[in-house]
Amino acid sequence: MVIACGLAWKLRHVLGLVYVSALFAVVLMPVVSRIQTVRFRKWRPSRTIAVVALVFSVFALLTLFLILGLPPVLHDIQHFAADLPERIPSLVAKLKRLPLADKFGVDTFAAKAQHFAGTSAEYILASAPRWIARVLDLITAFILCIYFMLEGEFAYYYFLSFLPTVSRERLAKTLVVAEVRMSKWLLGQGSLMLILGVLSTIVFAALHVRYFVLLGVLMGLFNIIPVAGGVITILLAAGVAALDSWGKMASVLIFYAIYVQLENAVLTPRIMKSSVNLPGLAVLIGLLCGTALCGIVGAMVAVPTAALIAVLLDEYMVEKDAVPEHVVHKARADHAP
């Protein structure tokens, strides 16, 4: 056991990539199964053809995004990095006109912001090798995910064969429940992120907010972090809007306030009603742990992993208190006509 634990610690990065790939394969397998049900007369696609069709679709969507979506985002990033040092003094001048501005250290904040803006480019260049390594991790995880979709079922049943028959059946049923809930959570959360990103881009463009494409993409991506993600991005968008006018900043804040009400009252109950309920604290802790263990790749599967752990804990650890028989009889007597 000591040797096994030491070897696992030594290979923790590789094991993390394997786990990430397996988890994505589990989440994507319902899509592969749905493709296999497509029938052309008497012919049905095999699993290999279904996986190839799914991979081709993913590549097509990524190519479409790189062609249509990435250039405006990169353009906005370049302009934002170039304009920020020049825009900070005007923003500070506006803040100084507010009541009690001197007591909040506006000048100190401006100096720190200008220093950060000036050194941000150097930081990006210095961290380029690490970003390249993360991209290679994503490519490796993608290739492993394809293999898991093709051959992962054999490994799954081989793993279950180590357990007794009774425990094997219980674990298999629990994992099926976890698979369904993780898939539904990812689909629902992805839908909410896409809705917020598209709506934010349209509204920011209508309000003539600078870098509206970049801000819309950030709004959608950070929506995976409950509460904090939305607060961070809306403050950033409001700050960019404040560079032009306070009225534009107020319009951005009003839009987000209306969207939050719409999401809580309409979108979340309809889209996420069948997924596992995860508290915001569990999502945030999962994202932090996933990022610390495997970087961007770990963050991508942190929340599905939290959903898996929640299902396993609910099945094996949570004690479901039985209602005493006399309480049941009393309740029936109280509600009897």
Protein backbone atom coordinates (compact mmCIF):
# COMPACT_ATOMS: atom_id res chain seq x y z
CA MET A 1 0.00 0.00 0.00
CA VAL A 2 2.85 2.41 0.80
CA ILE A 3 4.53 1.70 -2.55
CA ALA A 4 1.19 2.06 -4.37
CA CYS A 5 0.44 5.39 -2.65
CA GLY A 6 3.94 6.68 -3.40
CA LEU A 7 3.62 5.66 -7.05
CA ALA A 8 0.19 7.29 -7.28
CA TRP A 9 1.60 10.52 -5.83
CA LYS A 10 4.46 10.41 -8.32
CA LEU A 11 2.00 9.93 -11.20
CA ARG A 12 -0.69 12.24 -9.82
CA HIS A 13 -0.64 14.45 -12.91
CA VAL A 14 -1.10 11.49 -15.26
CA LEU A 15 -3.79 9.97 -13.04
CA GLY A 16 -5.55 13.31 -13.01
CA LEU A 17 -5.62 13.41 -16.81
CA VAL A 18 -6.89 9.81 -16.91
CA TYR A 19 -9.68 10.64 -14.45
CA VAL A 20 -10.65 13.78 -16.36
CA SER A 21 -10.77 11.85 -19.62
CA ALA A 22 -12.83 9.03 -18.10
CA LEU A 23 -15.29 11.48 -16.57
CA PHE A 24 -15.80 13.30 -19.87
CA ALA A 25 -16.27 9.94 -21.59
CA VAL A 26 -18.98 9.01 -19.08
CA VAL A 27 -20.75 12.32 -19.61
CA LEU A 28 -20.53 12.06 -23.42
CA MET A 29 -21.55 8.39 -23.70
CA PRO A 30 -25.31 9.22 -23.70
CA VAL A 31 -24.66 11.34 -26.80
CA VAL A 32 -22.84 8.42 -28.43
CA SER A 33 -25.72 6.09 -27.53
CA ARG A 34 -28.20 8.55 -29.01
CA ILE A 35 -26.21 8.65 -32.27
CA GLN A 36 -26.23 4.85 -32.36
CA THR A 37 -30.04 4.83 -32.32
CA VAL A 38 -30.16 6.73 -35.61
CA ARG A 39 -31.31 4.36 -38.32
CA PHE A 40 -30.78 4.61 -42.09
CA ARG A 41 -33.16 1.98 -43.43
CA LYS A 42 -31.70 -1.22 -41.87
CA TRP A 43 -28.28 0.20 -41.06
CA ARG A 44 -27.29 1.55 -37.64
CA PRO A 45 -23.98 3.21 -36.85
CA SER A 46 -21.57 1.25 -34.68
CA ARG A 47 -19.97 2.74 -31.57
CA THR A 48 -16.81 3.59 -33.53
CA ILE A 49 -18.78 5.49 -36.16
CA ALA A 50 -20.82 7.24 -33.45
CA VAL A 51 -17.65 8.34 -31.64
CA VAL A 52 -16.12 9.54 -34.92
CA ALA A 53 -19.32 11.50 -35.69
CA LEU A 54 -19.24 13.09 -32.22
CA VAL A 55 -15.55 14.02 -32.56
CA PHE A 56 -16.17 15.48 -36.00
CA SER A 57 -19.07 17.55 -34.62
CA VAL A 58 -16.90 18.85 -31.77
CA PHE A 59 -14.12 19.78 -34.20
CA ALA A 60 -16.65 21.52 -36.46
CA LEU A 61 -18.00 23.59 -33.54
CA LEU A 62 -14.49 24.47 -32.35
CA THR A 63 -13.47 25.48 -35.86
CA LEU A 64 -16.57 27.63 -36.20
CA PHE A 65 -15.79 29.30 -32.87
CA LEU A 66 -12.15 29.89 -33.82
CA ILE A 67 -13.19 31.44 -37.13
CA LEU A 68 -16.14 33.53 -35.96
CA GLY A 69 -15.80 34.02 -32.21
CA LEU A 70 -12.11 34.10 -31.38
CA PRO A 71 -10.90 37.01 -33.58
CA PRO A 72 -13.29 39.59 -32.01
CA VAL A 73 -12.29 38.39 -28.54
CA LEU A 74 -8.56 38.68 -29.32
CA HIS A 75 -9.18 42.10 -30.87
CA ASP A 76 -10.94 43.28 -27.72
CA ILE A 77 -8.15 41.89 -25.51
CA GLN A 78 -5.50 43.77 -27.49
CA HIS A 79 -7.42 47.03 -27.37
CA PHE A 80 -8.23 46.59 -23.69
CA ALA A 81 -4.54 46.03 -22.83
CA ALA A 82 -3.54 49.05 -24.93
CA ASP A 83 -6.24 51.42 -23.65
CA LEU A 84 -6.19 50.51 -19.97
CA PRO A 85 -3.15 52.58 -18.91
CA GLU A 86 -4.61 55.64 -20.67
CA ARG A 87 -8.14 55.14 -19.38
CA ILE A 88 -7.29 54.73 -15.70
CA PRO A 89 -6.54 58.46 -15.05
CA SER A 90 -9.89 59.52 -16.51
CA LEU A 91 -11.69 56.92 -14.40
CA VAL A 92 -9.83 58.10 -11.30
CA ALA A 93 -10.81 61.69 -12.06
CA LYS A 94 -14.45 60.63 -12.15
CA LEU A 95 -14.10 58.72 -8.89
CA LYS A 96 -12.59 61.76 -7.17
CA ARG A 97 -15.78 63.68 -7.82
CA LEU A 98 -17.74 61.22 -5.71
CA PRO A 99 -18.36 62.02 -2.01
CA LEU A 100 -15.72 60.72 0.44
CA ALA A 101 -13.50 59.59 -2.46
CA ASP A 102 -10.31 60.76 -0.71
CA LYS A 103 -10.96 58.54 2.30
CA PHE A 104 -11.01 55.37 0.14
CA GLY A 105 -7.49 55.89 -1.25
CA VAL A 106 -8.37 56.47 -4.88
CA ASP A 107 -4.86 57.70 -5.76
CA THR A 108 -3.23 54.58 -4.29
CA PHE A 109 -5.66 52.39 -6.21
CA ALA A 110 -4.85 54.26 -9.42
CA ALA A 111 -1.10 53.78 -8.95
CA LYS A 112 -1.51 50.05 -8.35
CA ALA A 113 -3.85 49.69 -11.34
CA GLN A 114 -1.41 51.48 -13.63
CA HIS A 115 1.46 49.30 -12.41
CA PHE A 116 -0.61 46.16 -13.02
CA ALA A 117 -1.60 47.33 -16.50
CA GLY A 118 2.02 48.03 -17.36
CA THR A 119 3.31 44.65 -16.18
CA SER A 120 0.43 42.50 -17.44
CA ALA A 121 2.02 41.97 -20.85
CA GLU A 122 5.30 40.85 -19.25
CA TYR A 123 3.39 38.41 -17.04
CA ILE A 124 1.56 36.92 -20.02
CA LEU A 125 4.84 36.40 -21.89
CA ALA A 126 6.55 34.88 -18.85
CA SER A 127 3.69 32.44 -18.26
CA ALA A 128 3.41 31.39 -21.92
CA PRO A 129 5.24 28.03 -21.39
CA ARG A 130 2.79 27.06 -18.66
CA TRP A 131 -0.18 27.89 -20.88
CA ILE A 132 1.34 25.79 -23.66
CA ALA A 133 1.67 22.88 -21.21
CA ARG A 134 -1.99 23.26 -20.25
CA VAL A 135 -3.01 23.19 -23.91
CA LEU A 136 -1.04 19.98 -24.37
CA ASP A 137 -2.85 18.55 -21.33
CA LEU A 138 -6.17 19.36 -22.97
CA ILE A 139 -5.11 17.62 -26.18
CA THR A 140 -3.95 14.55 -24.21
CA ALA A 141 -7.20 14.43 -22.25
CA PHE A 142 -9.19 14.69 -25.48
CA ILE A 143 -7.34 11.72 -27.03
CA LEU A 144 -7.76 9.64 -23.86
CA CYS A 145 -11.46 10.53 -23.80
CA ILE A 146 -11.87 9.05 -27.30
CA TYR A 147 -10.24 5.81 -26.18
CA PHE A 148 -12.43 5.66 -23.07
CA MET A 149 -15.57 6.08 -25.18
CA LEU A 150 -14.40 3.22 -27.41
CA GLU A 151 -13.04 0.80 -24.80
CA GLY A 152 -13.96 2.22 -21.40
CA GLU A 153 -16.91 -0.13 -20.93
CA PHE A 154 -14.58 -3.14 -20.66
CA ALA A 155 -12.51 -1.38 -18.00
CA TYR A 156 -15.69 -0.44 -16.13
CA TYR A 157 -16.99 -4.01 -15.90
CA TYR A 158 -13.51 -5.28 -15.04
CA PHE A 159 -13.43 -2.83 -12.14
CA LEU A 160 -16.86 -3.99 -10.94
CA SER A 161 -15.74 -7.63 -11.06
CA PHE A 162 -13.50 -7.01 -8.03
CA LEU A 163 -16.56 -6.40 -5.84
CA PRO A 164 -19.03 -8.91 -4.37
CA THR A 165 -22.25 -9.42 -6.33
CA VAL A 166 -24.50 -7.52 -3.89
CA SER A 167 -22.14 -4.55 -3.59
CA ARG A 168 -21.54 -4.63 -7.35
CA GLU A 169 -25.23 -4.22 -8.18
CA ARG A 170 -25.70 -1.40 -5.69
CA LEU A 171 -22.64 0.48 -6.92
CA ALA A 172 -23.65 0.00 -10.57
CA LYS A 173 -27.11 1.48 -9.91
CA THR A 174 -25.59 4.40 -7.99
CA LEU A 175 -23.12 5.14 -10.78
CA VAL A 176 -25.94 5.09 -13.35
CA VAL A 177 -27.80 7.69 -11.27
CA ALA A 178 -24.63 9.76 -10.97
CA GLU A 179 -24.00 9.54 -14.73
CA VAL A 180 -27.49 10.80 -15.54
CA ARG A 181 -27.32 13.65 -13.04
CA MET A 182 -23.84 14.74 -14.10
CA SER A 183 -24.87 14.80 -17.76
CA LYS A 184 -28.00 16.80 -16.98
CA TRP A 185 -26.06 19.22 -14.77
CA LEU A 186 -23.49 19.85 -17.49
CA LEU A 187 -26.18 20.35 -20.11
CA GLY A 188 -28.18 22.68 -17.87
CA GLN A 189 -25.19 24.71 -16.68
CA GLY A 190 -23.88 24.97 -20.23
CA SER A 191 -27.27 26.27 -21.36
CA LEU A 192 -27.31 28.92 -18.61
CA MET A 193 -23.76 30.01 -19.48
CA LEU A 194 -24.63 30.25 -23.18
CA ILE A 195 -27.80 32.26 -22.50
CA LEU A 196 -26.01 34.75 -20.25
CA GLY A 197 -23.07 35.08 -22.65
CA VAL A 198 -25.28 35.72 -25.69
CA LEU A 199 -27.63 38.11 -23.88
CA SER A 200 -24.71 40.03 -22.35
CA THR A 201 -23.00 40.41 -25.72
CA ILE A 202 -26.21 41.67 -27.37
CA VAL A 203 -27.06 44.12 -24.56
CA PHE A 204 -23.49 45.42 -24.23
CA ALA A 205 -23.34 45.92 -28.00
CA ALA A 206 -26.66 47.80 -27.94
CA LEU A 207 -25.33 50.01 -25.13
CA HIS A 208 -22.09 50.59 -27.08
CA VAL A 209 -19.96 49.24 -24.22
CA ARG A 210 -16.32 48.87 -25.14
CA TYR A 211 -15.01 45.32 -25.67
CA PHE A 212 -18.57 43.95 -25.58
CA VAL A 213 -17.56 40.61 -27.18
CA LEU A 214 -14.85 39.97 -24.58
CA LEU A 215 -17.15 40.98 -21.72
CA GLY A 216 -19.96 38.77 -23.04
CA VAL A 217 -17.65 35.76 -23.24
CA LEU A 218 -16.39 36.39 -19.70
CA MET A 219 -19.94 36.74 -18.41
CA GLY A 220 -20.82 33.35 -19.84
CA LEU A 221 -17.67 31.55 -18.69
CA PHE A 222 -17.68 32.91 -15.13
CA ASN A 223 -21.34 32.00 -14.70
CA ILE A 224 -20.17 28.53 -13.68
CA ILE A 225 -19.04 30.06 -10.36
CA PRO A 226 -22.17 30.72 -8.28
CA VAL A 227 -22.69 34.32 -7.15
CA ALA A 228 -18.98 35.27 -7.10
CA GLY A 229 -18.46 34.71 -10.83
CA GLY A 230 -21.36 36.94 -11.79
CA VAL A 231 -20.34 39.65 -9.31
CA ILE A 232 -16.75 39.74 -10.61
CA THR A 233 -17.71 39.96 -14.27
CA ILE A 234 -20.51 42.49 -13.81
CA LEU A 235 -18.18 44.73 -11.79
CA LEU A 236 -15.65 44.48 -14.61
CA ALA A 237 -18.31 45.30 -17.21
CA ALA A 238 -19.63 48.17 -15.10
CA GLY A 239 -16.09 49.52 -14.70
CA VAL A 240 -15.51 49.43 -18.46
CA ALA A 241 -18.86 51.17 -19.03
CA ALA A 242 -17.95 53.80 -16.43
CA LEU A 243 -15.02 54.83 -18.65
CA ASP A 244 -17.61 56.42 -20.94
CA SER A 245 -20.40 57.56 -18.61
CA TRP A 246 -22.13 56.83 -15.33
CA GLY A 247 -25.43 56.34 -17.19
CA LYS A 248 -23.94 53.53 -19.27
CA MET A 249 -22.64 51.89 -16.09
CA ALA A 250 -26.08 52.14 -14.51
CA SER A 251 -27.63 50.52 -17.60
CA VAL A 252 -25.21 47.58 -17.32
CA LEU A 253 -26.05 47.10 -13.64
CA ILE A 254 -29.80 47.30 -14.35
CA PHE A 255 -29.47 44.67 -17.09
CA TYR A 256 -27.68 42.26 -14.78
CA ALA A 257 -30.21 42.83 -11.97
CA ILE A 258 -33.07 42.00 -14.38
CA TYR A 259 -31.23 38.93 -15.69
CA VAL A 260 -30.60 37.58 -12.17
CA GLN A 261 -34.32 37.77 -11.42
CA LEU A 262 -35.13 36.06 -14.73
CA GLU A 263 -32.58 33.30 -14.14
CA ASN A 264 -33.70 32.59 -10.57
CA ALA A 265 -37.43 32.71 -11.32
CA VAL A 266 -37.64 31.11 -14.78
CA LEU A 267 -34.44 29.68 -16.26
CA THR A 268 -32.91 27.79 -13.32
CA PRO A 269 -36.15 26.03 -12.20
CA ARG A 270 -36.86 24.90 -15.78
CA ILE A 271 -33.35 23.98 -16.92
CA MET A 272 -31.80 22.62 -13.72
CA LYS A 273 -34.84 20.99 -12.12
CA SER A 274 -33.73 17.42 -12.91
CA SER A 275 -30.04 17.80 -12.06
CA VAL A 276 -28.33 17.18 -8.75
CA ASN A 277 -28.69 20.07 -6.35
CA LEU A 278 -25.28 21.37 -5.35
CA PRO A 279 -24.87 24.26 -2.89
CA GLY A 280 -22.81 27.18 -4.12
CA LEU A 281 -20.14 26.51 -1.47
CA ALA A 282 -19.63 22.96 -2.80
CA VAL A 283 -19.28 24.27 -6.36
CA LEU A 284 -16.72 26.90 -5.34
CA ILE A 285 -14.66 24.46 -3.24
CA GLY A 286 -14.77 21.94 -6.08
CA LEU A 287 -13.49 24.52 -8.56
CA LEU A 288 -10.65 25.52 -6.24
CA CYS A 289 -9.60 21.92 -5.60
CA GLY A 290 -9.85 20.97 -9.28
CA THR A 291 -7.76 23.97 -10.34
CA ALA A 292 -5.12 23.23 -7.69
CA LEU A 293 -4.84 19.56 -8.73
CA CYS A 294 -5.02 19.69 -12.55
CA GLY A 295 -5.22 23.35 -13.56
CA ILE A 296 -7.75 24.21 -16.25
CA VAL A 297 -8.50 20.56 -16.98
CA GLY A 298 -9.29 19.92 -13.31
CA ALA A 299 -11.54 22.97 -13.13
CA MET A 300 -13.55 21.69 -16.11
CA VAL A 301 -14.55 18.50 -14.27
CA ALA A 302 -14.59 19.84 -10.72
CA VAL A 303 -18.34 20.36 -10.52
CA PRO A 304 -19.31 17.01 -12.14
CA THR A 305 -16.95 15.37 -9.66
CA ALA A 306 -18.72 17.18 -6.82
CA ALA A 307 -22.02 15.89 -8.22
CA LEU A 308 -20.61 12.34 -8.31
CA ILE A 309 -19.40 12.62 -4.71
CA ALA A 310 -22.81 14.00 -3.64
CA VAL A 311 -24.61 11.01 -5.18
CA LEU A 312 -22.20 8.51 -3.58
CA LEU A 313 -22.51 10.18 -0.17
CA ASP A 314 -26.28 10.21 -0.46
CA GLU A 315 -26.29 6.48 -1.21
CA TYR A 316 -23.66 5.20 1.22
CA MET A 317 -23.21 7.76 3.99
CA VAL A 318 -26.44 9.71 4.54
CA GLU A 319 -28.62 8.14 7.19
CA LYS A 320 -32.26 8.28 6.17
CA ASP A 321 -34.18 8.33 9.44
CA ALA A 322 -37.18 6.05 9.46
CA VAL A 323 -40.42 7.61 10.67
CA PRO A 324 -41.73 5.80 13.79
CA GLU A 325 -44.93 3.87 13.27
CA HIS A 326 -46.86 5.75 15.98
CA VAL A 327 -46.04 9.05 14.24
CA VAL A 328 -47.48 7.70 10.99
CA HIS A 329 -50.69 6.56 12.74
CA LYS A 330 -51.04 9.92 14.49
CA ALA A 331 -50.60 11.82 11.22
CA ARG A 332 -53.23 9.68 9.54
CA ALA A 333 -55.62 10.23 12.43
CA ASP A 334 -55.11 14.01 12.32
CA HIS A 335 -55.87 14.17 8.60
CA ALA A 336 -58.75 11.72 8.64
CA PRO A 337 -62.16 13.22 7.72
